[in-house]
Amino acid sequence: MDKDYSELIQYLDERFSKIEIRLDKIDERINQLVTAIDKLTQSMSVYHDEYIALTSKVDKHEKWFQQVADKLGLKLNY
């Protein structure tokens, strides 16, 4: 029972160190992906808000065009 396990301990220590390095790299990459997704989500939110504002303007302009056409007795074809 008095065997020296130093070689095994050293081997396992090296293996675990390599695994920890790989896990750190994976963790860093995951953080980069989460950051990229957050930025994309924010951009999509801004785009959505701008789209709603633009749609509202277009609807308003279409209403005005229809009012002008009605006053002039014109029929607008869509």
Protein backbone atom coordinates (compact mmCIF):
# COMPACT_ATOMS: atom_id res chain seq x y z
CA MET A 1 0.00 0.00 0.00
CA ASP A 2 3.01 2.26 0.18
CA LYS A 3 3.17 2.73 -3.54
CA ASP A 4 4.30 6.06 -4.88
CA TYR A 5 1.56 7.58 -7.01
CA SER A 6 3.53 10.67 -7.96
CA GLU A 7 3.64 9.77 -11.65
CA LEU A 8 -0.12 9.25 -11.74
CA ILE A 9 -0.70 12.47 -9.82
CA GLN A 10 1.57 14.40 -12.18
CA TYR A 11 -0.15 12.88 -15.23
CA LEU A 12 -3.61 13.69 -13.91
CA ASP A 13 -2.51 17.19 -12.95
CA GLU A 14 -1.31 17.83 -16.50
CA ARG A 15 -4.51 16.40 -17.99
CA PHE A 16 -6.72 18.47 -15.69
CA SER A 17 -4.70 21.59 -16.47
CA LYS A 18 -5.26 21.04 -20.20
CA ILE A 19 -8.96 20.45 -19.59
CA GLU A 20 -9.20 23.65 -17.53
CA ILE A 21 -7.51 25.63 -20.31
CA ARG A 22 -9.97 24.23 -22.86
CA LEU A 23 -12.92 24.98 -20.59
CA ASP A 24 -11.69 28.55 -20.11
CA LYS A 25 -11.50 28.98 -23.89
CA ILE A 26 -15.00 27.56 -24.28
CA ASP A 27 -16.30 29.86 -21.56
CA GLU A 28 -14.69 32.86 -23.26
CA ARG A 29 -16.26 31.86 -26.59
CA ILE A 30 -19.68 31.45 -24.97
CA ASN A 31 -19.37 34.92 -23.46
CA GLN A 32 -18.51 36.32 -26.90
CA LEU A 33 -21.56 34.61 -28.39
CA VAL A 34 -23.84 35.91 -25.65
CA THR A 35 -22.51 39.43 -26.22
CA ALA A 36 -23.10 39.12 -29.97
CA ILE A 37 -26.64 37.87 -29.39
CA ASP A 38 -27.33 40.75 -27.00
CA LYS A 39 -26.12 43.27 -29.59
CA LEU A 40 -28.22 41.63 -32.29
CA THR A 41 -31.28 41.65 -30.05
CA GLN A 42 -30.78 45.34 -29.30
CA SER A 43 -30.38 46.11 -33.01
CA MET A 44 -33.55 44.17 -33.82
CA SER A 45 -35.44 46.08 -31.14
CA VAL A 46 -34.32 49.41 -32.61
CA TYR A 47 -35.18 48.19 -36.12
CA HIS A 48 -38.64 47.12 -34.93
CA ASP A 49 -39.31 50.52 -33.35
CA GLU A 50 -38.18 52.30 -36.52
CA TYR A 51 -40.33 49.99 -38.64
CA ILE A 52 -43.41 50.79 -36.55
CA ALA A 53 -42.74 54.54 -36.84
CA LEU A 54 -42.24 54.27 -40.61
CA THR A 55 -45.40 52.19 -41.02
CA SER A 56 -47.34 54.82 -39.13
CA LYS A 57 -46.01 57.55 -41.44
CA VAL A 58 -46.87 55.54 -44.55
CA ASP A 59 -50.40 54.94 -43.26
CA LYS A 60 -50.78 58.66 -42.60
CA HIS A 61 -49.54 59.54 -46.10
CA GLU A 62 -51.88 57.02 -47.70
CA LYS A 63 -54.77 58.58 -45.78
CA TRP A 64 -53.76 62.03 -47.02
CA PHE A 65 -53.47 60.78 -50.61
CA GLN A 66 -56.93 59.27 -50.34
CA GLN A 67 -58.34 62.53 -48.96
CA VAL A 68 -56.76 64.51 -51.81
CA ALA A 69 -58.05 62.02 -54.37
CA ASP A 70 -61.55 62.21 -52.89
CA LYS A 71 -61.48 66.02 -53.07
CA LEU A 72 -60.33 65.88 -56.70
CA GLY A 73 -62.79 63.12 -57.59
CA LEU A 74 -60.06 60.64 -58.45
CA LYS A 75 -60.01 56.92 -57.76
CA LEU A 76 -56.70 55.59 -56.53
CA ASN A 77 -55.78 52.09 -57.67
CA TYR A 78 -53.60 50.14 -55.27
